[in-house]
Structures are given as C-alpha cells and as structure tokens.
Protein backbone atom coordinates (compact mmCIF):
# COMPACT_ATOMS: atom_id res chain seq x y z
CA MET A 1 106.73 39.53 40.84
CA ALA A 2 110.06 39.31 43.41
CA ILE A 3 110.38 36.27 45.77
CA CYS A 4 110.84 36.98 49.59
CA PRO A 5 114.11 35.95 50.63
CA VAL A 6 112.64 34.75 54.07
CA CYS A 7 109.49 32.82 53.21
CA ASP A 8 110.55 32.08 49.67
CA ASP A 9 107.02 33.28 48.53
CA THR A 10 105.81 36.43 46.39
CA ALA A 11 106.85 39.53 47.97
CA GLU A 12 106.87 43.39 46.66
CA ILE A 13 110.63 44.44 46.93
CA PRO A 14 111.20 47.87 45.65
CA VAL A 15 114.81 48.72 44.24
CA GLY A 16 117.39 48.88 46.68
CA THR A 17 120.91 48.07 46.99
CA PRO A 18 122.84 44.97 47.34
CA GLN A 19 123.52 45.97 50.86
CA PHE A 20 120.20 46.53 52.03
CA LYS A 21 116.69 46.10 50.84
CA MET A 22 113.24 46.66 52.02
CA VAL A 23 110.46 43.99 51.49
CA ASP A 24 106.62 44.12 51.57
CA CYS A 25 105.45 40.24 52.17
CA PRO A 26 101.84 39.17 52.51
CA GLY A 27 103.18 36.62 54.90
CA CYS A 28 106.18 37.63 56.76
CA GLY A 29 105.21 41.63 56.54
CA HIS A 30 107.35 44.69 56.21
CA PHE A 31 111.08 44.29 56.82
CA GLY A 32 114.55 45.55 55.86
CA LEU A 33 117.10 42.95 55.35
CA ASP A 34 120.97 43.46 54.66
CA GLY A 35 122.86 41.34 52.37
CA GLN A 36 125.02 39.63 54.87
CA ALA A 37 121.69 38.36 56.62
CA GLU A 38 120.10 37.27 53.38
CA ALA A 39 123.12 35.14 52.31
CA GLN A 40 123.13 33.44 55.80
CA LEU A 41 119.31 32.73 55.27
CA SER A 42 119.87 31.39 51.90
CA ALA A 43 122.71 28.77 53.35
CA LYS A 44 120.29 28.16 56.64
CA LEU A 45 116.87 27.15 54.86
CA ALA A 46 115.82 25.70 58.44
CA ILE A 47 115.61 28.76 60.00
CA ARG A 48 113.59 30.58 57.64
CA ALA A 49 110.11 29.68 59.47
CA LEU A 50 111.48 30.84 62.46
CA VAL A 51 112.45 34.50 61.18
CA SER A 52 109.13 34.74 59.13
CA HIS A 53 107.31 34.07 62.67
CA ARG A 54 109.51 36.51 64.39
CA ILE A 55 109.10 39.41 61.85
CA ARG A 56 105.02 38.89 61.72
CA LEU A 57 104.92 39.05 65.57
CA SER A 58 106.79 42.22 65.29
CA ASN A 59 104.64 43.65 62.70
CA GLU A 60 101.46 42.60 64.30
CA ARG A 61 102.57 44.63 67.27
CA LYS A 62 103.71 47.59 65.03
CA GLU A 63 107.07 47.25 65.52
CA GLU A 64 109.84 47.98 63.06
CA ILE A 65 112.43 45.17 62.47
CA ASP A 66 115.56 45.18 60.50
CA VAL A 67 116.99 41.69 59.87
CA THR A 68 120.76 42.51 59.82
CA ALA A 69 123.39 39.37 60.42
CA PRO A 70 123.43 40.54 64.26
CA MET A 71 119.56 40.55 64.47
CA LEU A 72 119.58 36.95 62.78
CA ARG A 73 121.75 35.60 65.13
CA VAL A 74 119.90 36.89 68.10
CA ILE A 75 116.85 35.51 66.75
CA VAL A 76 118.32 31.94 66.04
CA GLU A 77 120.10 31.87 69.59
CA SER A 78 117.26 33.27 71.41
CA TYR A 79 114.07 31.81 69.96
CA GLN A 80 112.84 28.26 68.44
CA LEU A 81 109.74 27.76 66.15
CA PRO A 82 106.55 26.80 67.95
CA SER A 83 105.43 23.23 68.47
CA ILE A 84 102.59 22.20 66.45
CA SER A 85 100.54 22.21 69.96
CA LYS A 86 101.32 26.11 70.48
CA GLN A 87 100.69 26.74 66.74
CA LYS A 88 97.09 25.22 66.79
CA ASP A 89 96.64 27.25 70.12
CA SER A 90 97.73 30.24 68.31
CA PHE A 91 95.45 29.53 65.32
CA MET A 92 92.45 29.57 67.94
CA ARG A 93 93.14 32.57 69.77
CA TRP A 94 93.21 34.41 66.38
CA PHE A 95 90.29 32.69 64.69
CA GLY A 96 87.98 33.33 67.70
CA GLY A 97 89.43 37.17 67.75
CA GLU A 98 88.39 37.44 64.14
CA LEU A 99 84.84 36.12 64.84
CA LEU A 100 84.01 38.23 67.87
CA ARG A 101 85.73 41.23 65.87
CA ILE A 102 82.98 40.70 63.18
CA GLY A 103 80.34 40.08 65.47
CA GLN A 104 79.55 36.71 64.26
CA PRO A 105 80.88 33.91 66.29
CA HIS A 106 78.27 31.46 64.82
CA SER A 107 79.26 32.18 61.18
CA PRO A 108 81.27 30.12 58.31
CA PHE A 109 84.59 32.28 57.89
CA VAL A 110 87.27 32.05 55.15
CA VAL A 111 90.95 32.53 56.08
CA ARG A 112 91.53 35.38 53.59
CA GLU A 113 95.13 35.94 54.52
CA PRO A 114 96.61 32.41 54.99
CA ARG A 115 100.16 33.63 54.57
CA ARG A 116 100.09 36.23 57.19
CA ILE A 117 98.22 33.73 59.55
CA SER A 118 100.73 31.09 58.68
CA ALA A 119 103.75 33.37 59.67
CA LEU A 120 101.68 34.51 62.78
CA ILE A 121 101.33 31.25 64.31
CA GLY A 122 104.60 29.62 63.15
CA ALA A 123 103.96 27.38 60.49
CA ALA A 124 106.57 26.46 57.94
CA PRO A 125 106.75 28.56 54.72
CA PRO A 126 105.98 28.77 52.02
CA ILE A 127 102.17 28.59 52.07
CA ALA A 128 102.27 25.81 49.61
CA LYS A 129 103.86 23.25 51.68
CA GLY A 130 100.61 23.31 53.63
CA GLY A 131 101.98 23.75 57.27
CA LEU A 132 98.88 26.18 58.09
CA MET A 133 96.45 23.58 56.36
CA TYR A 134 98.06 20.87 58.62
CA VAL A 135 97.01 22.92 61.63
CA MET A 136 93.61 23.39 60.39
CA LYS A 137 92.80 19.90 59.72
CA ALA A 138 94.27 18.76 63.12
CA LEU A 139 91.76 21.41 64.67
CA PHE A 140 89.12 19.66 62.89
CA VAL A 141 90.20 16.20 63.91
CA GLU A 142 89.89 17.39 67.52
CA GLY A 143 86.41 18.84 67.26
CA TYR A 144 87.35 22.48 67.67
CA ILE A 145 86.50 23.79 63.91
CA SER A 146 84.18 22.35 61.31
CA PRO A 147 83.84 21.01 58.61
CA LEU A 148 87.42 19.43 57.18
CA PRO A 149 88.92 22.37 54.93
CA ASN A 150 90.64 21.27 51.90
CA LEU A 151 91.57 24.72 50.49
CA TYR A 152 92.20 27.94 52.26
CA ALA A 153 89.05 29.41 50.34
CA ASP A 154 86.63 26.69 52.42
CA ASN A 155 84.30 28.02 54.82
CA ILE A 156 85.10 27.00 58.50
CA GLN A 157 83.05 27.54 61.70
CA MET A 158 84.19 27.28 65.40
CA THR A 159 82.46 24.20 67.07
CA PRO A 160 81.11 24.92 70.51
CA LYS A 161 83.98 22.53 71.75
CA GLY A 162 85.89 25.18 69.96
CA TRP A 163 84.61 28.13 71.56
CA GLU A 164 85.15 26.38 75.36
CA ARG A 165 88.82 25.82 74.16
CA CYS A 166 89.34 29.51 72.91
CA GLU A 167 87.96 30.70 76.04
CA ILE A 168 90.40 28.94 78.08
CA LEU A 169 93.21 30.29 75.80
CA THR A 170 92.11 33.84 76.12
CA THR A 171 91.08 34.09 79.67
CA PRO A 172 93.83 36.18 81.59
CA LYS A 173 96.23 34.39 83.84
CA PRO A 174 97.80 35.49 86.86
CA SER A 175 101.06 36.71 86.39
CA ALA A 176 103.57 33.82 85.06
CA VAL A 177 106.38 35.05 87.53
CA PRO A 178 105.63 34.74 91.29
CA TYR A 179 106.56 38.08 92.51
CA SER A 180 105.68 39.92 95.78
CA PRO A 181 106.42 43.99 95.54
CA ARG A 182 108.38 43.83 98.86
CA GLU A 183 110.78 41.48 96.99
CA LEU A 184 113.13 43.81 95.66
CA PRO A 185 113.39 46.39 98.29
CA MET A 186 114.14 43.93 100.88
CA ALA A 187 116.81 42.53 98.65
CA ILE A 188 118.10 45.83 98.27
CA ASP A 189 118.14 46.58 101.96
CA PHE A 190 119.57 43.03 102.51
CA LEU A 191 122.55 43.68 100.33
CA ASN A 192 123.37 47.00 101.46
CA SER A 193 123.50 45.64 105.14
CA ILE A 194 125.81 42.71 104.45
CA TRP A 195 127.67 45.04 102.21
CA GLY A 196 127.95 47.61 104.89
CA LYS A 197 129.09 45.32 107.46
CA ARG A 198 131.82 44.07 105.23
CA ASN A 199 132.99 47.31 103.70
CA GLY A 200 131.69 50.15 106.18
CA GLU A 201 129.52 51.56 103.83
CA PRO A 202 126.51 50.28 101.87
CA LEU A 203 126.94 49.48 98.37
CA LEU A 204 123.67 51.54 96.91
CA GLU A 205 123.24 54.81 98.35
CA ILE A 206 119.58 55.64 98.43
CA ARG A 207 119.29 59.02 96.60
CA SER A 208 115.80 58.99 96.08
CA ALA A 209 112.63 57.63 98.01
CA GLU A 210 110.25 58.38 94.99
CA ILE A 211 112.54 55.98 92.65
CA THR A 212 112.67 53.40 95.65
CA VAL A 213 108.98 53.60 96.17
CA SER A 214 108.16 53.07 92.31
CA LEU A 215 110.06 49.78 92.18
CA GLY A 216 107.10 48.55 93.96
CA LEU A 217 104.26 49.59 91.62
CA PRO A 218 102.59 47.56 88.84
CA SER A 219 102.93 48.25 85.09
CA ALA A 220 100.03 48.15 82.88
CA ASN A 221 101.58 49.45 79.52
CA PHE A 222 104.42 50.77 77.58
CA GLU A 223 104.81 53.94 79.17
CA GLU A 224 104.51 52.71 82.82
CA PHE A 225 107.17 49.76 82.00
CA LYS A 226 109.57 52.43 80.46
CA SER A 227 109.41 54.67 83.57
CA ARG A 228 109.38 51.57 85.89
CA ILE A 229 112.65 49.88 84.04
CA GLY A 230 114.08 53.35 84.05
CA ASP A 231 113.85 53.96 87.73
CA LEU A 232 115.54 50.33 88.52
CA ALA A 233 118.45 51.27 85.99
CA GLU A 234 119.04 54.71 87.82
CA LEU A 235 118.94 52.85 91.24
CA LEU A 236 121.86 50.29 89.69
CA ARG A 237 123.66 53.74 88.82
CA TRP A 238 123.63 54.40 92.71
CA ILE A 239 126.25 51.13 92.98
CA ASP A 240 129.69 52.91 94.25
CA VAL A 241 132.50 50.26 94.46
CA GLU A 242 135.82 52.35 95.70
CA ASP A 243 138.89 52.14 93.91
CA ALA A 244 140.55 50.25 96.54
CA GLN A 245 137.89 47.61 96.40
CA LEU A 246 138.76 46.64 93.24
CA PRO A 247 142.00 44.19 92.34
CA GLY A 248 145.44 45.31 92.01
CA GLY A 249 146.18 47.04 88.74
CA ALA A 250 142.54 47.23 87.50
CA GLU A 251 141.50 50.73 85.76
CA ILE A 252 137.58 50.62 85.57
CA ASN A 253 136.19 54.24 84.87
CA ARG A 254 133.80 55.12 87.64
CA SER A 255 130.76 55.19 85.42
CA GLU A 256 130.86 51.49 84.63
CA LYS A 257 129.08 50.60 88.31
CA LEU A 258 128.30 46.85 87.27
CA ASN A 259 131.73 46.14 85.66
CA ARG A 260 133.38 47.58 88.65
CA LEU A 261 130.97 45.68 90.85
CA GLN A 262 131.78 42.30 89.14
CA ALA A 263 135.58 43.14 89.18
CA CYS A 264 135.69 43.71 92.84
CA LEU A 265 133.37 40.36 93.46
CA GLN A 266 135.37 38.06 91.30
CA ALA A 267 138.56 39.41 92.99
CA SER A 268 137.42 38.31 96.42
CA THR A 269 135.61 35.19 95.75
CA VAL A 270 136.69 31.55 95.37
CA ASP A 271 136.48 29.79 92.14
CA SER A 272 133.17 28.07 92.79
CA ASP A 273 131.27 31.61 93.20
CA ARG A 274 132.95 33.26 90.36
CA ASP A 275 130.46 31.94 87.83
CA ASP A 276 127.53 33.18 90.27
CA VAL A 277 129.01 36.48 90.27
CA GLY A 278 128.92 36.50 86.12
CA VAL A 279 125.07 35.36 86.22
CA ALA A 280 124.26 37.94 88.75
CA VAL A 281 125.95 40.90 87.03
CA GLY A 282 124.85 39.70 84.06
CA ALA A 283 121.30 39.92 84.74
CA LEU A 284 121.50 43.27 85.95
CA LYS A 285 123.70 44.31 82.89
CA ASP A 286 120.73 43.04 80.76
CA ILE A 287 118.15 45.05 82.55
CA VAL A 288 120.29 48.21 81.89
CA THR A 289 120.18 47.19 78.04
CA VAL A 290 116.57 46.69 77.93
CA ARG A 291 116.25 50.26 79.62
CA ASN A 292 118.40 51.84 77.03
CA ARG A 293 117.40 50.10 74.10
CA LEU A 294 113.62 50.26 74.84
CA THR A 295 113.08 52.89 72.37
CA HIS A 296 114.95 51.29 69.64
CA LYS A 297 112.63 48.80 68.91
CA GLY A 298 113.69 45.64 67.36
CA SER A 299 117.29 46.07 67.86
CA PRO A 300 119.29 42.68 68.41
CA GLU A 301 120.67 44.13 71.93
CA LEU A 302 117.27 44.62 73.02
CA ILE A 303 116.00 41.16 71.81
CA GLY A 304 119.03 39.04 73.38
CA ALA A 305 118.59 41.10 76.66
CA LEU A 306 114.90 40.18 77.11
CA ALA A 307 115.22 36.63 75.66
CA ARG A 308 118.19 36.24 78.53
CA LEU A 309 115.89 37.64 81.16
CA GLY A 310 113.08 35.06 80.07
CA ILE A 311 110.68 37.84 78.19
CA ASP A 312 109.75 37.37 74.69
CA PHE A 313 109.64 40.03 71.99
CA PRO A 314 107.46 41.98 71.12
CA ILE A 315 106.40 42.21 74.69
CA GLU A 316 102.44 41.56 75.00
CA ASP A 317 101.94 41.77 78.91
CA TYR A 318 103.70 44.78 80.33
CA ALA A 319 102.67 43.55 83.72
CA SER A 320 104.06 40.39 83.53
CA ALA A 321 107.21 41.49 82.02
CA TRP A 322 107.78 44.18 84.81
CA ASP A 323 107.19 41.42 87.17
CA GLY A 324 109.72 39.22 85.52
CA ILE A 325 112.27 41.74 85.52
CA ARG A 326 111.87 43.01 89.44
CA ALA A 327 111.99 39.31 89.82
CA LYS A 328 115.57 38.74 87.99
CA ALA A 329 116.59 41.96 89.80
CA ALA A 330 115.74 40.53 93.27
CA GLU A 331 117.31 37.15 92.50
CA ALA A 332 120.84 38.74 91.21
CA LEU A 333 120.96 41.03 94.40
CA ASN A 334 120.42 38.03 96.44
CA LEU A 335 122.82 36.00 94.79
CA ILE A 336 125.44 38.76 94.98
CA ARG A 337 124.63 39.07 98.85
CA LYS A 338 125.19 35.48 99.26
CA VAL A 339 128.44 35.74 97.51
CA VAL A 340 129.62 38.66 99.67
CA GLN A 341 128.62 36.68 102.76
CA ALA A 342 130.49 33.78 101.69
CA THR A 343 133.88 35.74 101.68
CA ASP A 344 133.49 36.77 105.30
C-alpha cells in the first residue's frame, strides 16, 4: 500500500508521473499533487496537517483540488490549523449531525472513519499520533460525550449536555458581517458625486438599472452568489478614467479599469494616502478575481482572493459571503472617495 504524501498514512496512488499524481486517501480525500509541491511538503512537515485539513474540507463540499506549488503557498499564507477549541466544536457538529442523520440521537456510536474525521476537524495526522483521540477525550472530560473512549472502535454517546452544546453550535447565526443593502449603492453614489465635482463627470456611468438593483438583493446559494458577484464585477467595468487623468507617460490599456484608477489616484495623492489607494483598489481587484475564478473551483487565485476578502474556502454560507463582499466593496469605494476628497 502506498503512503499519502500529505498525511503520511496509507493511500491509493495510481501510477502517475514524477511531475503529477492523483491520490485517493481515506483521510485527506481525493486530490492531485505535483512534484514540486510534494517536495515542499516533505521538507515542511509542520504544514501537513493544515494541507490535509484544507483538502478534506474541499472534498466534503465536492470541490476538486490540485495541490500545486502555487496552491500550497496560498494555503500556507491564507490559513492556519484550527485551535483545539475549534476542533472540539467541529467534532460536536459532525457527531450530532451523524446521530440525527441515522435517526438515533440517543444511541451508542462508533467513529468508523477516524482518518476522515481527523482531517475534517484539523487534528494532526497520521491518525496513530492520536490527535482525534485527544479531542474526543477532552470532550469526555467536559461532559459532552460518554463513556471515555480509548480506541476508535469504542462506542460513544452524546450526553444531554453535549446535545445542548451541539444545538448552540448548529443554530443559524445572523450574518457575521453587519451590512445594509443600501450601503454599496450609497457608496457608489457618494463617490460618483465627489469624483464628478472634481473631474467634471462621474467615475462610474450607470448603464443598467437592473445590475444596480441586484446589488441590494441577497444570495442564498451558489448560483445567486455567482450572479450577484458577476453584476458587481460588471459595475466595476463601468469605471472610466480618461487618459488625461493618468500620470505623464503612463500607457495603461483602457480595459484595465482598476489599474487606470489606481495610477490616477496614486499620482494625485500624498504619500500617506497611497497605501490606502493600494488597499482599496486591491480589494476591488480581489472581487473581480473571485468572479473570474469562481467556476475554476480550487484555483490558488480564487482561494487567495477569498482569504484577503475575509471569506473561507470552500464557501459554506453564500448569504454571509455575499454580504462580506458587498461590505468590502463599499469600504473600498468609501476609502477611494475620502482620498479624492483629500486632494481638493
């Protein structure tokens, strides 16, 4: 039996090439791995648990993932391994969900796929090191499960206290991002007004009322999220910075809307505001990247852009993700507006 290059436990690895292989791992899941990333994993044992966790999360959401060198870099830069406290909460959500799925919330239960659950909650592989068992024993000590497990083949039950904890963890929470549907349209209008006073015409020429209205609509699923962020990206394409507004000698294609905006702003602002311009335009560029890469599931560009926008991958709550992106867009446009006002 082959050994998984990520979790260092048994796996199936069909014959591939030195440059790329497919791995079927009971713990991590199904994924592709290129030779350069494999070499880096071998040299950086400390990140294996993190990579195993991210692969398993993608697999649980039916997302395909190839661990290339760029993808490995994005994972390491964007995420960290969950704390023991978060691992315990993840186990409780999974355990409660499984008991309800089989319709036996009171029954003894055996964790039949400990490697998968270990990777799912972020416990350090391989399973023989006991990361998952440590979490389970901690939950016993806190009174959430019983009896004390010593082997993964041991039966455990959810205690009444455990069910109370599980209900708290699984009760839907309000959006993590406080957002008003009027916030983004107001930011656009305010920026257009200030830009128009300074330059004689608005920064964004509104070409479609339908797209503007859609920015105020919620997003309940992937298709709605894709549609909403597509409309927002289209709106950003309406940004129009004239050649005369660019710094002398700058030759930036008119299709590079955000690059032209950044060049214009950084040329006309004081040094202290240039970082703000970079942050604001960078957030808008990340939104466009998410829109362009959303159907390329598992791409390092998508994962990196989402992480910078404060959104985890794979996306589980599309309503909250859309609110977060709208809030980031409004924040970026308001920051640009303040920079423009400061130049008057």
